[in-house]
């Protein structure tokens, strides 16, 4: 099966002409995925601002959400939607459209590869040791949401969120290096968990690895805890990094050249959506982790490749 991974569309952020172009391209991609029966995963920030109130949801990007609903109905698939730091105030509307909505992370199995997917802005579970910035923790807190929505009616509350998101977007500075280091730590910890004897496990199925990270046993799939790939959005650039314990993939922003990641037959490829030809164009391939002739990375040495704008 072919899987598509995209993030950071930021619908609602852009100038009118660019906004129209981005939405049109995304609709074309969805129609293509529907015809080809491809599985889609969104790793956060589909919208630049999103806030549902009880019984009310924004009209922002309605044509995009309708296209997703059509894709879900036709294919019988459910798009994975891991919310990001711009679109996490949800109250169930996405689920009614057929999305598999996740607020933190999701682990999937790709032909035996365990892939840990998250947005990249942090995780709530302290065992991961990757906390969100304090401000983000505050505005995600149910008490803050209740007060905010109790004081501000829907349209005013959404408008204020739009204004704030626009100001924040202009100052956006992301540093993938720190996130890459955390991802490598997760891969290494899960590799050591995979080889741990049962006697070393806690009652709840958790284990602390070298004091660096504690991973709860609920992360496992089919009884196997080892992660092979860690994937995130948020950094707005395409990055691949092969390390001794697995593969780190960071997704480009879809709004920048309609770029995304494709998985098929054991291999990952950075691709771009060709709006004129209505097809995917391969930009860079990542060798299959199943390949027996792929040289393993030497301890302490990492091989990285970045695609900044040429896709």
C-alpha atoms as a PDB file:
ATOM      1  CA  UNK A   1       0.000   0.000   0.000  1.00  0.00           C
ATOM      2  CA  UNK A   2       1.136   3.555  -0.698  1.00  0.00           C
ATOM      3  CA  UNK A   3       1.026   6.110   2.114  1.00  0.00           C
ATOM      4  CA  UNK A   4       1.259   9.906   1.837  1.00  0.00           C
ATOM      5  CA  UNK A   5       2.480  12.052   4.743  1.00  0.00           C
ATOM      6  CA  UNK A   6       2.008  15.809   4.752  1.00  0.00           C
ATOM      7  CA  UNK A   7       2.005  18.609   7.272  1.00  0.00           C
ATOM      8  CA  UNK A   8       1.912  22.365   7.734  1.00  0.00           C
ATOM      9  CA  UNK A   9      -0.534  23.453   5.058  1.00  0.00           C
ATOM     10  CA  UNK A  10      -1.548  26.385   7.291  1.00  0.00           C
ATOM     11  CA  UNK A  11      -4.851  27.043   5.551  1.00  0.00           C
ATOM     12  CA  UNK A  12      -5.919  30.616   6.314  1.00  0.00           C
ATOM     13  CA  UNK A  13      -2.436  32.133   6.685  1.00  0.00           C
ATOM     14  CA  UNK A  14      -1.579  33.157   3.158  1.00  0.00           C
ATOM     15  CA  UNK A  15      -2.288  36.050   0.800  1.00  0.00           C
ATOM     16  CA  UNK A  16      -5.500  35.492  -1.231  1.00  0.00           C
ATOM     17  CA  UNK A  17      -3.858  34.372  -4.491  1.00  0.00           C
ATOM     18  CA  UNK A  18      -1.439  32.009  -2.778  1.00  0.00           C
ATOM     19  CA  UNK A  19      -4.197  30.732  -0.493  1.00  0.00           C
ATOM     20  CA  UNK A  20      -6.341  29.853  -3.504  1.00  0.00           C
ATOM     21  CA  UNK A  21      -3.401  28.129  -5.184  1.00  0.00           C
ATOM     22  CA  UNK A  22      -2.603  26.025  -2.099  1.00  0.00           C
ATOM     23  CA  UNK A  23      -6.197  24.946  -1.579  1.00  0.00           C
ATOM     24  CA  UNK A  24      -6.628  24.078  -5.248  1.00  0.00           C
ATOM     25  CA  UNK A  25      -3.443  21.992  -5.179  1.00  0.00           C
ATOM     26  CA  UNK A  26      -4.530  20.150  -2.033  1.00  0.00           C
ATOM     27  CA  UNK A  27      -7.919  19.378  -3.553  1.00  0.00           C
ATOM     28  CA  UNK A  28      -6.170  17.958  -6.610  1.00  0.00           C
ATOM     29  CA  UNK A  29      -3.948  15.806  -4.417  1.00  0.00           C
ATOM     30  CA  UNK A  30      -6.976  14.491  -2.524  1.00  0.00           C
ATOM     31  CA  UNK A  31      -8.759  13.583  -5.754  1.00  0.00           C
ATOM     32  CA  UNK A  32      -5.610  11.793  -6.912  1.00  0.00           C
ATOM     33  CA  UNK A  33      -5.352   9.877  -3.617  1.00  0.00           C
ATOM     34  CA  UNK A  34      -9.025   8.966  -3.884  1.00  0.00           C
ATOM     35  CA  UNK A  35      -8.619   7.554  -7.399  1.00  0.00           C
ATOM     36  CA  UNK A  36      -5.389   5.724  -6.543  1.00  0.00           C
ATOM     37  CA  UNK A  37      -6.692   4.479  -3.168  1.00  0.00           C
ATOM     38  CA  UNK A  38      -3.762   5.917  -1.185  1.00  0.00           C
ATOM     39  CA  UNK A  39      -3.623   6.265   2.607  1.00  0.00           C
ATOM     40  CA  UNK A  40      -3.142   9.843   3.851  1.00  0.00           C
ATOM     41  CA  UNK A  41      -1.574  11.007   7.114  1.00  0.00           C
ATOM     42  CA  UNK A  42      -1.515  14.646   8.285  1.00  0.00           C
ATOM     43  CA  UNK A  43       1.106  15.523  10.891  1.00  0.00           C
ATOM     44  CA  UNK A  44      -0.378  18.770  12.142  1.00  0.00           C
ATOM     45  CA  UNK A  45      -1.190  22.364  11.215  1.00  0.00           C
ATOM     46  CA  UNK A  46      -3.541  21.651   8.350  1.00  0.00           C
ATOM     47  CA  UNK A  47      -5.085  24.949   9.459  1.00  0.00           C
ATOM     48  CA  UNK A  48      -3.263  28.050  10.604  1.00  0.00           C
ATOM     49  CA  UNK A  49      -5.983  28.636  13.192  1.00  0.00           C
ATOM     50  CA  UNK A  50      -8.866  26.428  14.251  1.00  0.00           C
ATOM     51  CA  UNK A  51     -11.214  26.672  17.199  1.00  0.00           C
ATOM     52  CA  UNK A  52     -14.406  24.708  17.673  1.00  0.00           C
ATOM     53  CA  UNK A  53     -17.019  25.827  20.166  1.00  0.00           C
ATOM     54  CA  UNK A  54     -19.807  23.581  21.473  1.00  0.00           C
ATOM     55  CA  UNK A  55     -22.173  23.200  18.523  1.00  0.00           C
ATOM     56  CA  UNK A  56     -20.115  25.524  16.293  1.00  0.00           C
ATOM     57  CA  UNK A  57     -17.131  25.101  14.026  1.00  0.00           C
ATOM     58  CA  UNK A  58     -15.336  27.485  11.653  1.00  0.00           C
ATOM     59  CA  UNK A  59     -16.204  27.598   7.971  1.00  0.00           C
ATOM     60  CA  UNK A  60     -12.509  27.911   7.164  1.00  0.00           C
ATOM     61  CA  UNK A  61     -11.452  25.505   4.424  1.00  0.00           C
ATOM     62  CA  UNK A  62     -14.904  23.955   4.081  1.00  0.00           C
ATOM     63  CA  UNK A  63     -14.158  22.862   0.513  1.00  0.00           C
ATOM     64  CA  UNK A  64     -11.009  21.070   1.710  1.00  0.00           C
ATOM     65  CA  UNK A  65     -12.846  19.263   4.486  1.00  0.00           C
ATOM     66  CA  UNK A  66     -15.559  18.264   1.995  1.00  0.00           C
ATOM     67  CA  UNK A  67     -12.851  16.827  -0.265  1.00  0.00           C
ATOM     68  CA  UNK A  68     -11.490  14.799   2.649  1.00  0.00           C
ATOM     69  CA  UNK A  69     -15.011  13.578   3.468  1.00  0.00           C
ATOM     70  CA  UNK A  70     -15.397  12.437  -0.155  1.00  0.00           C
ATOM     71  CA  UNK A  71     -12.037  10.656   0.019  1.00  0.00           C
ATOM     72  CA  UNK A  72     -13.079   8.874   3.214  1.00  0.00           C
ATOM     73  CA  UNK A  73     -16.459   7.834   1.818  1.00  0.00           C
ATOM     74  CA  UNK A  74     -15.065   6.579  -1.499  1.00  0.00           C
ATOM     75  CA  UNK A  75     -12.008   4.717  -0.224  1.00  0.00           C
ATOM     76  CA  UNK A  76     -13.309   3.600   3.163  1.00  0.00           C
ATOM     77  CA  UNK A  77     -10.073   4.935   4.650  1.00  0.00           C
ATOM     78  CA  UNK A  78      -9.615   7.370   7.509  1.00  0.00           C
ATOM     79  CA  UNK A  79      -7.012  10.103   7.233  1.00  0.00           C
ATOM     80  CA  UNK A  80      -4.734  10.201  10.252  1.00  0.00           C
ATOM     81  CA  UNK A  81      -4.890  13.749  11.608  1.00  0.00           C
ATOM     82  CA  UNK A  82      -2.411  14.517  14.379  1.00  0.00           C
ATOM     83  CA  UNK A  83      -3.213  18.045  15.487  1.00  0.00           C
ATOM     84  CA  UNK A  84      -0.427  20.617  15.697  1.00  0.00           C
ATOM     85  CA  UNK A  85       0.142  23.798  17.655  1.00  0.00           C
ATOM     86  CA  UNK A  86      -2.219  25.762  15.357  1.00  0.00           C
ATOM     87  CA  UNK A  87      -5.224  23.440  15.065  1.00  0.00           C
ATOM     88  CA  UNK A  88      -5.658  21.569  18.347  1.00  0.00           C
ATOM     89  CA  UNK A  89      -8.835  23.199  19.678  1.00  0.00           C
ATOM     90  CA  UNK A  90     -11.175  20.520  18.387  1.00  0.00           C
ATOM     91  CA  UNK A  91     -14.483  19.176  19.663  1.00  0.00           C
ATOM     92  CA  UNK A  92     -15.251  16.245  17.383  1.00  0.00           C
ATOM     93  CA  UNK A  93     -16.046  17.867  14.028  1.00  0.00           C
ATOM     94  CA  UNK A  94     -13.080  16.258  12.266  1.00  0.00           C
ATOM     95  CA  UNK A  95     -14.083  12.826  13.546  1.00  0.00           C
ATOM     96  CA  UNK A  96     -17.575  13.222  12.051  1.00  0.00           C
ATOM     97  CA  UNK A  97     -15.920  13.786   8.657  1.00  0.00           C
ATOM     98  CA  UNK A  98     -14.022  10.503   8.888  1.00  0.00           C
ATOM     99  CA  UNK A  99     -10.651  11.624  10.254  1.00  0.00           C
ATOM    100  CA  UNK A 100      -8.712   9.476  12.707  1.00  0.00           C
ATOM    101  CA  UNK A 101      -7.998  12.378  15.055  1.00  0.00           C
ATOM    102  CA  UNK A 102      -5.017  12.214  17.414  1.00  0.00           C
ATOM    103  CA  UNK A 103      -3.885  14.999  19.745  1.00  0.00           C
ATOM    104  CA  UNK A 104      -0.412  13.650  20.557  1.00  0.00           C
ATOM    105  CA  UNK A 105       1.080  10.899  18.400  1.00  0.00           C
ATOM    106  CA  UNK A 106       0.300   7.714  16.536  1.00  0.00           C
ATOM    107  CA  UNK A 107       2.349   4.598  15.800  1.00  0.00           C
ATOM    108  CA  UNK A 108       1.698   2.752  12.559  1.00  0.00           C
ATOM    109  CA  UNK A 109       3.103  -0.396  10.976  1.00  0.00           C
ATOM    110  CA  UNK A 110       4.437  -0.111   7.429  1.00  0.00           C
ATOM    111  CA  UNK A 111       5.314  -3.591   6.214  1.00  0.00           C
ATOM    112  CA  UNK A 112       6.912  -4.410   9.563  1.00  0.00           C
ATOM    113  CA  UNK A 113       8.441  -0.963  10.154  1.00  0.00           C
ATOM    114  CA  UNK A 114       7.185   0.741  13.311  1.00  0.00           C
ATOM    115  CA  UNK A 115       6.730   4.453  12.596  1.00  0.00           C
ATOM    116  CA  UNK A 116       6.233   6.969  15.412  1.00  0.00           C
ATOM    117  CA  UNK A 117       4.392  10.027  14.046  1.00  0.00           C
ATOM    118  CA  UNK A 118       3.886  13.330  15.870  1.00  0.00           C
ATOM    119  CA  UNK A 119       3.650  17.004  14.962  1.00  0.00           C
ATOM    120  CA  UNK A 120       6.889  18.100  16.585  1.00  0.00           C
ATOM    121  CA  UNK A 121       5.815  20.854  18.990  1.00  0.00           C
ATOM    122  CA  UNK A 122       6.095  18.641  22.078  1.00  0.00           C
ATOM    123  CA  UNK A 123       4.263  15.829  23.864  1.00  0.00           C
ATOM    124  CA  UNK A 124       2.112  15.975  26.982  1.00  0.00           C
ATOM    125  CA  UNK A 125       3.306  12.715  28.558  1.00  0.00           C
ATOM    126  CA  UNK A 126       6.312  13.610  30.762  1.00  0.00           C
ATOM    127  CA  UNK A 127       7.803  10.164  30.107  1.00  0.00           C
ATOM    128  CA  UNK A 128       8.809  11.382  26.658  1.00  0.00           C
ATOM    129  CA  UNK A 129      10.820  14.269  28.109  1.00  0.00           C
ATOM    130  CA  UNK A 130       9.781  16.514  25.253  1.00  0.00           C
ATOM    131  CA  UNK A 131       7.446  19.085  26.848  1.00  0.00           C
ATOM    132  CA  UNK A 132       5.651  21.740  24.867  1.00  0.00           C
ATOM    133  CA  UNK A 133       6.577  25.376  25.542  1.00  0.00           C
ATOM    134  CA  UNK A 134       4.839  26.744  28.632  1.00  0.00           C
ATOM    135  CA  UNK A 135       2.576  29.055  26.629  1.00  0.00           C
ATOM    136  CA  UNK A 136       1.355  26.164  24.483  1.00  0.00           C
ATOM    137  CA  UNK A 137       0.656  24.074  27.576  1.00  0.00           C
ATOM    138  CA  UNK A 138      -1.410  26.918  29.008  1.00  0.00           C
ATOM    139  CA  UNK A 139      -3.574  27.527  25.949  1.00  0.00           C
ATOM    140  CA  UNK A 140      -4.200  23.785  25.531  1.00  0.00           C
ATOM    141  CA  UNK A 141      -5.342  23.402  29.136  1.00  0.00           C
ATOM    142  CA  UNK A 142      -9.096  22.658  29.422  1.00  0.00           C
ATOM    143  CA  UNK A 143      -9.531  25.387  32.059  1.00  0.00           C
ATOM    144  CA  UNK A 144      -8.027  28.041  29.777  1.00  0.00           C
ATOM    145  CA  UNK A 145     -10.186  26.862  26.860  1.00  0.00           C
ATOM    146  CA  UNK A 146     -13.315  26.964  29.030  1.00  0.00           C
ATOM    147  CA  UNK A 147     -12.571  30.508  30.237  1.00  0.00           C
ATOM    148  CA  UNK A 148     -11.621  31.754  26.763  1.00  0.00           C
ATOM    149  CA  UNK A 149     -14.745  30.360  25.143  1.00  0.00           C
ATOM    150  CA  UNK A 150     -16.914  31.442  28.048  1.00  0.00           C
ATOM    151  CA  UNK A 151     -15.799  35.063  27.695  1.00  0.00           C
ATOM    152  CA  UNK A 152     -15.547  35.334  23.903  1.00  0.00           C
ATOM    153  CA  UNK A 153     -18.272  34.403  21.404  1.00  0.00           C
ATOM    154  CA  UNK A 154     -17.209  32.095  18.559  1.00  0.00           C
ATOM    155  CA  UNK A 155     -16.517  34.604  15.784  1.00  0.00           C
ATOM    156  CA  UNK A 156     -14.651  37.009  18.051  1.00  0.00           C
ATOM    157  CA  UNK A 157     -12.686  34.193  19.661  1.00  0.00           C
ATOM    158  CA  UNK A 158     -11.718  32.757  16.279  1.00  0.00           C
ATOM    159  CA  UNK A 159     -10.810  36.217  14.989  1.00  0.00           C
ATOM    160  CA  UNK A 160      -8.494  36.827  17.924  1.00  0.00           C
ATOM    161  CA  UNK A 161      -6.875  33.446  17.348  1.00  0.00           C
ATOM    162  CA  UNK A 162      -6.376  34.323  13.670  1.00  0.00           C
ATOM    163  CA  UNK A 163      -4.730  37.634  14.570  1.00  0.00           C
ATOM    164  CA  UNK A 164      -2.413  36.001  17.077  1.00  0.00           C
ATOM    165  CA  UNK A 165      -1.515  33.150  14.739  1.00  0.00           C
ATOM    166  CA  UNK A 166      -0.606  35.612  11.966  1.00  0.00           C
ATOM    167  CA  UNK A 167       1.702  37.547  14.283  1.00  0.00           C
ATOM    168  CA  UNK A 168       3.289  34.354  15.551  1.00  0.00           C
ATOM    169  CA  UNK A 169       3.773  33.017  12.022  1.00  0.00           C
ATOM    170  CA  UNK A 170       5.884  36.014  11.020  1.00  0.00           C
ATOM    171  CA  UNK A 171       8.304  35.221  13.830  1.00  0.00           C
ATOM    172  CA  UNK A 172       8.427  31.502  13.112  1.00  0.00           C
ATOM    173  CA  UNK A 173      11.893  30.148  13.735  1.00  0.00           C
ATOM    174  CA  UNK A 174      12.204  26.400  14.063  1.00  0.00           C
ATOM    175  CA  UNK A 175      15.343  24.484  14.909  1.00  0.00           C
ATOM    176  CA  UNK A 176      15.189  20.911  13.617  1.00  0.00           C
ATOM    177  CA  UNK A 177      18.512  19.972  15.212  1.00  0.00           C
ATOM    178  CA  UNK A 178      17.106  19.730  18.741  1.00  0.00           C
ATOM    179  CA  UNK A 179      14.081  17.788  17.553  1.00  0.00           C
ATOM    180  CA  UNK A 180      16.344  15.475  15.583  1.00  0.00           C
ATOM    181  CA  UNK A 181      18.396  14.767  18.711  1.00  0.00           C
ATOM    182  CA  UNK A 182      15.235  13.945  20.647  1.00  0.00           C
ATOM    183  CA  UNK A 183      14.083  11.624  17.853  1.00  0.00           C
ATOM    184  CA  UNK A 184      17.406   9.817  17.936  1.00  0.00           C
ATOM    185  CA  UNK A 185      17.050   9.384  21.698  1.00  0.00           C
ATOM    186  CA  UNK A 186      13.586   7.881  21.210  1.00  0.00           C
ATOM    187  CA  UNK A 187      14.877   5.456  18.590  1.00  0.00           C
ATOM    188  CA  UNK A 188      17.776   4.391  20.785  1.00  0.00           C
ATOM    189  CA  UNK A 189      15.571   3.962  23.856  1.00  0.00           C
ATOM    190  CA  UNK A 190      13.054   1.876  21.941  1.00  0.00           C
ATOM    191  CA  UNK A 191      15.862  -0.262  20.493  1.00  0.00           C
ATOM    192  CA  UNK A 192      17.106  -1.023  23.998  1.00  0.00           C
ATOM    193  CA  UNK A 193      13.548  -1.733  25.139  1.00  0.00           C
ATOM    194  CA  UNK A 194      13.171  -4.205  22.288  1.00  0.00           C
ATOM    195  CA  UNK A 195      16.057  -6.223  23.678  1.00  0.00           C
ATOM    196  CA  UNK A 196      15.146  -5.926  27.361  1.00  0.00           C
ATOM    197  CA  UNK A 197      14.273  -9.045  29.333  1.00  0.00           C
ATOM    198  CA  UNK A 198      10.875  -9.229  31.002  1.00  0.00           C
ATOM    199  CA  UNK A 199      12.458  -9.050  34.423  1.00  0.00           C
ATOM    200  CA  UNK A 200      13.545  -5.490  33.753  1.00  0.00           C
ATOM    201  CA  UNK A 201      10.068  -4.211  32.998  1.00  0.00           C
ATOM    202  CA  UNK A 202       7.938  -2.324  35.459  1.00  0.00           C
ATOM    203  CA  UNK A 203       4.507  -3.494  36.534  1.00  0.00           C
ATOM    204  CA  UNK A 204       2.886  -1.036  34.123  1.00  0.00           C
ATOM    205  CA  UNK A 205       5.094  -2.142  31.244  1.00  0.00           C
ATOM    206  CA  UNK A 206       7.410   0.860  31.397  1.00  0.00           C
ATOM    207  CA  UNK A 207      11.172   1.041  31.549  1.00  0.00           C
ATOM    208  CA  UNK A 208      13.676   3.827  32.020  1.00  0.00           C
ATOM    209  CA  UNK A 209      16.611   3.641  29.612  1.00  0.00           C
ATOM    210  CA  UNK A 210      19.919   5.039  30.881  1.00  0.00           C
ATOM    211  CA  UNK A 211      17.994   7.680  32.780  1.00  0.00           C
ATOM    212  CA  UNK A 212      17.303   9.529  29.532  1.00  0.00           C
ATOM    213  CA  UNK A 213      13.731   8.631  28.708  1.00  0.00           C
ATOM    214  CA  UNK A 214      10.969   6.457  30.092  1.00  0.00           C
ATOM    215  CA  UNK A 215       8.741   4.831  27.513  1.00  0.00           C
ATOM    216  CA  UNK A 216       5.406   3.364  28.518  1.00  0.00           C
ATOM    217  CA  UNK A 217       4.638  -0.117  27.305  1.00  0.00           C
ATOM    218  CA  UNK A 218       1.413   1.123  25.712  1.00  0.00           C
ATOM    219  CA  UNK A 219       3.539   2.485  22.870  1.00  0.00           C
ATOM    220  CA  UNK A 220       4.045  -0.986  21.534  1.00  0.00           C
ATOM    221  CA  UNK A 221       2.232  -2.534  18.582  1.00  0.00           C
ATOM    222  CA  UNK A 222       1.628  -6.286  18.409  1.00  0.00           C
ATOM    223  CA  UNK A 223       3.858  -6.732  21.448  1.00  0.00           C
ATOM    224  CA  UNK A 224       6.872  -5.144  19.781  1.00  0.00           C
ATOM    225  CA  UNK A 225       8.221  -1.923  21.250  1.00  0.00           C
ATOM    226  CA  UNK A 226      11.087  -1.061  18.949  1.00  0.00           C
ATOM    227  CA  UNK A 227      10.579   2.010  16.748  1.00  0.00           C
ATOM    228  CA  UNK A 228      12.229   2.015  13.323  1.00  0.00           C
ATOM    229  CA  UNK A 229      11.235   5.501  12.149  1.00  0.00           C
ATOM    230  CA  UNK A 230      10.405   8.763  13.928  1.00  0.00           C
ATOM    231  CA  UNK A 231       8.519  11.245  11.766  1.00  0.00           C
ATOM    232  CA  UNK A 232       7.362  14.807  12.445  1.00  0.00           C
ATOM    233  CA  UNK A 233       6.253  18.037  10.818  1.00  0.00           C
ATOM    234  CA  UNK A 234       6.527  21.497  12.417  1.00  0.00           C
ATOM    235  CA  UNK A 235      10.047  22.322  11.183  1.00  0.00           C
ATOM    236  CA  UNK A 236       8.883  23.338   7.681  1.00  0.00           C
ATOM    237  CA  UNK A 237      11.749  21.617   5.883  1.00  0.00           C
ATOM    238  CA  UNK A 238      12.439  18.154   4.527  1.00  0.00           C
ATOM    239  CA  UNK A 239      15.070  16.296   6.525  1.00  0.00           C
ATOM    240  CA  UNK A 240      16.187  12.703   6.546  1.00  0.00           C
ATOM    241  CA  UNK A 241      18.759  11.382   8.980  1.00  0.00           C
ATOM    242  CA  UNK A 242      19.897   7.773   9.146  1.00  0.00           C
ATOM    243  CA  UNK A 243      21.257   6.838  12.554  1.00  0.00           C
ATOM    244  CA  UNK A 244      22.390   3.540  14.027  1.00  0.00           C
ATOM    245  CA  UNK A 245      19.028   2.836  15.650  1.00  0.00           C
ATOM    246  CA  UNK A 246      16.724   3.865  12.804  1.00  0.00           C
ATOM    247  CA  UNK A 247      15.560   6.656  10.530  1.00  0.00           C
ATOM    248  CA  UNK A 248      14.481  10.225  11.318  1.00  0.00           C
ATOM    249  CA  UNK A 249      12.169  11.967   8.841  1.00  0.00           C
ATOM    250  CA  UNK A 250      11.022  15.577   9.101  1.00  0.00           C
ATOM    251  CA  UNK A 251       8.375  16.751   6.664  1.00  0.00           C
ATOM    252  CA  UNK A 252       8.488  19.889   4.537  1.00  0.00           C
ATOM    253  CA  UNK A 253       5.679  22.450   4.708  1.00  0.00           C
ATOM    254  CA  UNK A 254       3.079  21.595   2.082  1.00  0.00           C
ATOM    255  CA  UNK A 255       2.443  25.281   1.413  1.00  0.00           C
ATOM    256  CA  UNK A 256       6.046  25.609   0.215  1.00  0.00           C
ATOM    257  CA  UNK A 257       6.049  23.931  -3.188  1.00  0.00           C
ATOM    258  CA  UNK A 258       3.347  21.322  -2.400  1.00  0.00           C
ATOM    259  CA  UNK A 259       5.933  18.950  -0.933  1.00  0.00           C
ATOM    260  CA  UNK A 260       5.223  15.816   1.066  1.00  0.00           C
ATOM    261  CA  UNK A 261       6.536  12.316   1.789  1.00  0.00           C
ATOM    262  CA  UNK A 262       5.507   9.085   0.103  1.00  0.00           C
ATOM    263  CA  UNK A 263       5.984   5.502   1.271  1.00  0.00           C
ATOM    264  CA  UNK A 264       5.628   2.490  -0.998  1.00  0.00           C
ATOM    265  CA  UNK A 265       7.226  -0.953  -1.244  1.00  0.00           C
ATOM    266  CA  UNK A 266       9.545  -0.435   1.714  1.00  0.00           C
ATOM    267  CA  UNK A 267      10.930   2.946   0.620  1.00  0.00           C
ATOM    268  CA  UNK A 268      10.333   6.585   1.517  1.00  0.00           C
ATOM    269  CA  UNK A 269      10.534   9.338  -1.103  1.00  0.00           C
ATOM    270  CA  UNK A 270      10.201  13.093  -0.785  1.00  0.00           C
ATOM    271  CA  UNK A 271       7.824  14.147  -3.541  1.00  0.00           C
ATOM    272  CA  UNK A 272       5.983  17.203  -4.785  1.00  0.00           C
ATOM    273  CA  UNK A 273       2.498  17.488  -6.191  1.00  0.00           C
ATOM    274  CA  UNK A 274       2.592  18.518  -9.853  1.00  0.00           C
ATOM    275  CA  UNK A 275      -0.587  20.533 -10.182  1.00  0.00           C
ATOM    276  CA  UNK A 276      -0.368  20.860 -13.956  1.00  0.00           C
ATOM    277  CA  UNK A 277       0.129  17.142 -14.634  1.00  0.00           C
ATOM    278  CA  UNK A 278      -1.940  16.024 -11.625  1.00  0.00           C
ATOM    279  CA  UNK A 279       0.666  13.563 -10.396  1.00  0.00           C
ATOM    280  CA  UNK A 280       3.437  13.136  -7.839  1.00  0.00           C
ATOM    281  CA  UNK A 281       7.013  13.881  -8.871  1.00  0.00           C
ATOM    282  CA  UNK A 282       9.797  12.173  -6.948  1.00  0.00           C
ATOM    283  CA  UNK A 283      12.379  14.559  -5.522  1.00  0.00           C
ATOM    284  CA  UNK A 284      14.527  12.373  -3.271  1.00  0.00           C
ATOM    285  CA  UNK A 285      14.418   8.728  -2.205  1.00  0.00           C
ATOM    286  CA  UNK A 286      15.284   7.243   1.155  1.00  0.00           C
ATOM    287  CA  UNK A 287      16.647   3.705   0.947  1.00  0.00           C
ATOM    288  CA  UNK A 288      14.521   0.952   2.413  1.00  0.00           C
ATOM    289  CA  UNK A 289      15.345  -0.009   5.978  1.00  0.00           C
ATOM    290  CA  UNK A 290      14.779  -3.603   4.885  1.00  0.00           C
ATOM    291  CA  UNK A 291      17.663  -3.456   2.424  1.00  0.00           C
ATOM    292  CA  UNK A 292      20.319  -6.024   3.324  1.00  0.00           C
ATOM    293  CA  UNK A 293      23.093  -4.280   1.405  1.00  0.00           C
ATOM    294  CA  UNK A 294      22.601  -0.885   3.000  1.00  0.00           C
ATOM    295  CA  UNK A 295      25.647  -0.007   5.137  1.00  0.00           C
ATOM    296  CA  UNK A 296      24.860   0.520   8.781  1.00  0.00           C
ATOM    297  CA  UNK A 297      25.736   3.834  10.386  1.00  0.00           C
ATOM    298  CA  UNK A 298      28.795   3.821  12.572  1.00  0.00           C
ATOM    299  CA  UNK A 299      28.237   4.594  16.248  1.00  0.00           C
ATOM    300  CA  UNK A 300      28.442   8.301  16.920  1.00  0.00           C
ATOM    301  CA  UNK A 301      28.300   9.245  13.231  1.00  0.00           C
ATOM    302  CA  UNK A 302      25.092  10.371  11.557  1.00  0.00           C
ATOM    303  CA  UNK A 303      24.327  10.788   7.881  1.00  0.00           C
ATOM    304  CA  UNK A 304      21.850  13.532   7.078  1.00  0.00           C
ATOM    305  CA  UNK A 305      20.357  15.093   4.001  1.00  0.00           C
ATOM    306  CA  UNK A 306      18.145  18.156   3.803  1.00  0.00           C
ATOM    307  CA  UNK A 307      15.899  19.455   1.072  1.00  0.00           C
ATOM    308  CA  UNK A 308      15.228  23.121   1.699  1.00  0.00           C
ATOM    309  CA  UNK A 309      13.589  24.421  -1.471  1.00  0.00           C
ATOM    310  CA  UNK A 310      14.514  22.393  -4.506  1.00  0.00           C
ATOM    311  CA  UNK A 311      11.633  19.891  -4.425  1.00  0.00           C
END
